Amino acid sequence: MKIAPSILDADFSKLQEEVDSISTADRIHLDIMDGKYVSNISFRARDVEAIRFPVETEAHLMCDTPEIYFDEFQKLGVVGITFHIENTGEDRALELFGDLKSRGIRAGICIDGYTEPEALSDEVLRQADKILVMSVKAGKGGQSFMSESIEKIKTLRSRGFAGEIEVDGGVNLDNVKLLAEAGADIVVVGSFIMKRPAETRAEVIGEFQKA
């Protein structure tokens, strides 16, 4: 299993050290919240532009108008951007996919914790590079894992989606193998890693990667 630690719970007063402590991860996950789609507000690309990321980064836009963030995260150098189907609907999602791909950025679509896979049309599945399955309600860290996300992954695979499936929310060493067996490729892990002492994080990351 690949792992993408979220830095939302990192200590931003020493962010370079925090990022360096997760350098053995496969990717680093940037959670962006606008205070509209979700109640919280997080950082912007400008807040991390001075950081030297040791591995590739991706942005998860929990935002009403995700396209207004594309330029700044393209400049930051993210390899993928994911936005929510709940914000865009099908037609706009397909337009935004085209925009991202024209920039050389992998296009991802997200379903929130209480959204069913049927919200993603067959055409969206054909054009998406990645689907992010939230296994909690978007916008707040430290929530409990929603076990129904496992069936959502199976449903997406049964519908023929062959791209990357990522899972975000409440993922830990007890449920990561179930996610792998269901067909997930990569998991986002936040507080489970970032609230541990920095010197122990590489070992925990390795345990996820073995799953």
Protein backbone atom coordinates (compact mmCIF):
# COMPACT_ATOMS: atom_id res chain seq x y z
CA MET A 1 0.00 0.00 0.00
CA LYS A 2 1.21 3.49 -0.80
CA ILE A 3 0.85 6.18 1.82
CA ALA A 4 0.41 9.94 1.62
CA PRO A 5 0.67 11.64 5.01
CA SER A 6 -1.40 14.79 5.38
CA ILE A 7 0.45 17.73 6.88
CA LEU A 8 -2.71 19.34 8.22
CA ASP A 9 -1.74 18.33 11.77
CA ALA A 10 1.93 19.24 11.32
CA ASP A 11 3.62 21.91 13.42
CA PHE A 12 3.80 24.76 10.91
CA SER A 13 6.33 26.62 13.07
CA LYS A 14 8.89 24.00 12.03
CA LEU A 15 7.26 22.69 8.87
CA GLN A 16 10.47 21.81 7.02
CA GLU A 17 11.47 19.50 9.88
CA GLU A 18 7.99 18.00 9.93
CA VAL A 19 8.07 17.34 6.19
CA ASP A 20 11.56 15.85 6.40
CA SER A 21 10.32 13.42 9.06
CA ILE A 22 7.91 11.84 6.53
CA SER A 23 10.37 11.66 3.64
CA THR A 24 9.95 7.88 3.33
CA ALA A 25 6.29 8.30 2.34
CA ASP A 26 5.15 7.82 -1.25
CA ARG A 27 3.50 11.22 -1.50
CA ILE A 28 2.61 14.19 0.69
CA HIS A 29 -1.03 15.24 0.90
CA LEU A 30 -2.04 18.91 1.06
CA ASP A 31 -5.54 19.46 2.48
CA ILE A 32 -6.96 22.79 1.34
CA MET A 33 -10.16 24.10 2.95
CA ASP A 34 -11.90 27.36 2.09
CA GLY A 35 -14.35 27.81 4.97
CA LYS A 36 -17.27 27.40 2.56
CA TYR A 37 -17.59 23.79 1.47
CA VAL A 38 -16.24 22.88 4.90
CA SER A 39 -16.27 25.17 7.92
CA ASN A 40 -12.53 25.15 8.54
CA ILE A 41 -9.91 27.18 6.67
CA SER A 42 -6.44 25.74 6.09
CA PHE A 43 -3.29 26.94 4.37
CA ARG A 44 -2.69 28.04 0.78
CA ALA A 45 0.08 27.23 -1.66
CA ARG A 46 1.93 30.42 -0.73
CA ASP A 47 2.21 29.19 2.86
CA VAL A 48 4.31 26.20 1.80
CA GLU A 49 6.14 27.56 -1.26
CA ALA A 50 9.43 27.78 0.64
CA ILE A 51 9.26 24.14 1.74
CA ARG A 52 11.52 21.60 0.03
CA PHE A 53 9.26 18.58 -0.30
CA PRO A 54 11.25 15.32 -0.37
CA VAL A 55 8.61 13.44 -2.39
CA GLU A 56 5.86 14.41 -4.80
CA THR A 57 2.84 16.32 -3.49
CA GLU A 58 -0.87 16.31 -4.21
CA ALA A 59 -3.62 18.80 -3.34
CA HIS A 60 -7.10 17.91 -2.09
CA LEU A 61 -9.35 20.95 -2.62
CA MET A 62 -12.27 20.98 -0.17
CA CYS A 63 -13.41 24.22 -1.77
CA ASP A 64 -16.52 25.57 -3.48
CA THR A 65 -14.65 26.87 -6.52
CA PRO A 66 -11.64 24.56 -6.89
CA GLU A 67 -10.48 26.03 -10.18
CA ILE A 68 -9.38 29.30 -8.56
CA TYR A 69 -6.60 27.33 -6.82
CA PHE A 70 -5.26 25.54 -9.91
CA ASP A 71 -2.67 28.17 -10.87
CA GLU A 72 -1.04 28.39 -7.45
CA PHE A 73 -0.79 24.65 -6.97
CA GLN A 74 0.51 24.15 -10.49
CA LYS A 75 3.25 26.66 -9.62
CA LEU A 76 3.92 24.73 -6.41
CA GLY A 77 4.50 21.62 -8.52
CA VAL A 78 1.83 19.21 -7.32
CA VAL A 79 1.44 16.05 -9.37
CA GLY A 80 -2.30 15.79 -8.80
CA ILE A 81 -5.30 17.86 -7.77
CA THR A 82 -8.53 16.41 -6.45
CA PHE A 83 -11.83 18.27 -6.02
CA HIS A 84 -15.31 17.25 -4.86
CA ILE A 85 -18.15 16.06 -7.09
CA GLU A 86 -20.51 17.56 -4.49
CA ASN A 87 -19.26 21.02 -5.53
CA THR A 88 -19.13 20.63 -9.28
CA GLY A 89 -21.55 18.06 -10.61
CA GLU A 90 -20.69 16.04 -13.69
CA ASP A 91 -20.44 18.63 -16.48
CA ARG A 92 -18.21 21.02 -14.58
CA ALA A 93 -16.08 18.17 -13.27
CA LEU A 94 -15.36 17.02 -16.81
CA GLU A 95 -14.39 20.57 -17.81
CA LEU A 96 -12.04 20.84 -14.84
CA PHE A 97 -10.50 17.47 -15.70
CA GLY A 98 -9.61 18.89 -19.10
CA ASP A 99 -8.08 21.99 -17.54
CA LEU A 100 -5.92 19.96 -15.15
CA LYS A 101 -4.75 17.51 -17.78
CA SER A 102 -3.79 20.37 -20.11
CA ARG A 103 -1.49 21.55 -17.32
CA GLY A 104 0.09 18.11 -16.95
CA ILE A 105 -1.62 17.55 -13.58
CA ARG A 106 -3.41 14.31 -12.71
CA ALA A 107 -7.14 14.94 -12.31
CA GLY A 108 -8.85 13.49 -9.27
CA ILE A 109 -12.47 13.48 -8.11
CA CYS A 110 -13.59 13.00 -4.52
CA ILE A 111 -16.73 11.58 -2.94
CA ASP A 112 -17.36 12.71 0.62
CA GLY A 113 -18.04 10.33 3.46
CA TYR A 114 -21.82 10.35 3.02
CA THR A 115 -21.81 10.39 -0.79
CA GLU A 116 -22.47 7.16 -2.69
CA PRO A 117 -20.34 6.01 -5.64
CA GLU A 118 -23.38 6.46 -7.91
CA ALA A 119 -22.71 10.20 -7.73
CA LEU A 120 -19.87 9.51 -10.18
CA SER A 121 -21.17 8.85 -13.68
CA ASP A 122 -19.58 6.35 -16.03
CA GLU A 123 -18.11 9.26 -18.01
CA VAL A 124 -16.50 10.71 -14.89
CA LEU A 125 -15.01 7.29 -14.14
CA ARG A 126 -13.63 7.09 -17.66
CA GLN A 127 -11.92 10.46 -17.49
CA ALA A 128 -10.73 10.63 -13.87
CA ASP A 129 -7.12 9.72 -13.16
CA LYS A 130 -7.93 9.17 -9.50
CA ILE A 131 -10.89 8.79 -7.17
CA LEU A 132 -10.52 9.88 -3.57
CA VAL A 133 -12.95 8.07 -1.29
CA MET A 134 -13.44 9.97 1.94
CA SER A 135 -13.95 7.57 4.83
CA VAL A 136 -15.02 10.44 7.11
CA LYS A 137 -16.92 13.70 6.56
CA ALA A 138 -14.56 16.14 4.89
CA GLY A 139 -13.15 19.05 6.80
CA LYS A 140 -12.07 17.82 10.20
CA GLY A 141 -9.21 15.59 11.32
CA GLY A 142 -9.29 12.79 13.87
CA GLN A 143 -12.68 11.30 12.92
CA SER A 144 -13.55 7.62 13.10
CA PHE A 145 -13.26 5.46 9.99
CA MET A 146 -16.51 4.81 8.11
CA SER A 147 -16.44 1.11 7.27
CA GLU A 148 -18.89 1.52 4.36
CA SER A 149 -16.04 3.09 2.40
CA ILE A 150 -14.73 -0.44 1.81
CA GLU A 151 -17.86 -1.32 -0.16
CA LYS A 152 -17.59 1.94 -2.08
CA ILE A 153 -14.13 0.93 -3.27
CA LYS A 154 -15.39 -2.47 -4.35
CA THR A 155 -18.28 -0.83 -6.22
CA LEU A 156 -15.95 1.49 -8.10
CA ARG A 157 -13.72 -1.41 -9.12
CA SER A 158 -16.74 -3.49 -10.18
CA ARG A 159 -17.80 -0.62 -12.44
CA GLY A 160 -14.47 -0.89 -14.23
CA PHE A 161 -12.52 2.00 -12.75
CA ALA A 162 -8.87 1.12 -13.28
CA GLY A 163 -7.25 4.34 -12.09
CA GLU A 164 -5.87 5.10 -8.67
CA ILE A 165 -8.20 4.87 -5.69
CA GLU A 166 -7.13 6.83 -2.64
CA VAL A 167 -8.78 6.68 0.79
CA ASP A 168 -8.74 9.51 3.31
CA GLY A 169 -10.04 9.56 6.87
CA GLY A 170 -9.58 7.44 9.96
CA VAL A 171 -7.14 5.09 8.24
CA ASN A 172 -4.94 3.12 10.63
CA LEU A 173 -2.98 -0.12 10.79
CA ASP A 174 -6.11 -2.06 11.74
CA ASN A 175 -8.11 -1.21 8.61
CA VAL A 176 -5.46 -0.55 5.95
CA LYS A 177 -5.27 -4.21 4.87
CA LEU A 178 -9.03 -4.29 4.35
CA LEU A 179 -8.71 -1.25 2.12
CA ALA A 180 -5.92 -2.87 0.13
CA GLU A 181 -7.98 -6.03 -0.34
CA ALA A 182 -10.95 -3.96 -1.52
CA GLY A 183 -8.84 -2.36 -4.24
CA ALA A 184 -7.39 0.84 -2.80
CA ASP A 185 -3.94 1.91 -3.99
CA ILE A 186 -2.96 4.67 -1.57
CA VAL A 187 -4.14 5.95 1.80
CA VAL A 188 -3.99 9.39 3.35
CA VAL A 189 -2.98 9.35 7.00
CA GLY A 190 -2.94 12.49 9.09
CA SER A 191 -3.09 12.63 12.87
CA PHE A 192 -2.21 8.94 13.21
CA ILE A 193 1.28 9.84 11.97
CA MET A 194 1.74 13.54 12.56
CA LYS A 195 0.79 13.45 16.24
CA ARG A 196 3.52 10.90 16.92
CA PRO A 197 7.11 11.89 17.77
CA ALA A 198 8.98 12.79 14.60
CA GLU A 199 11.62 10.11 15.13
CA THR A 200 8.98 7.32 15.04
CA ARG A 201 7.13 8.38 11.88
CA ALA A 202 9.31 6.56 9.35
CA GLU A 203 8.71 3.27 11.13
CA VAL A 204 4.94 3.81 11.11
CA ILE A 205 5.00 4.76 7.44
CA GLY A 206 6.86 1.50 6.74
CA GLU A 207 4.14 -0.50 8.48
CA PHE A 208 1.51 0.99 6.19
CA GLN A 209 3.64 0.32 3.12
CA LYS A 210 3.88 -3.37 4.06
CA ALA A 211 0.08 -3.76 4.05
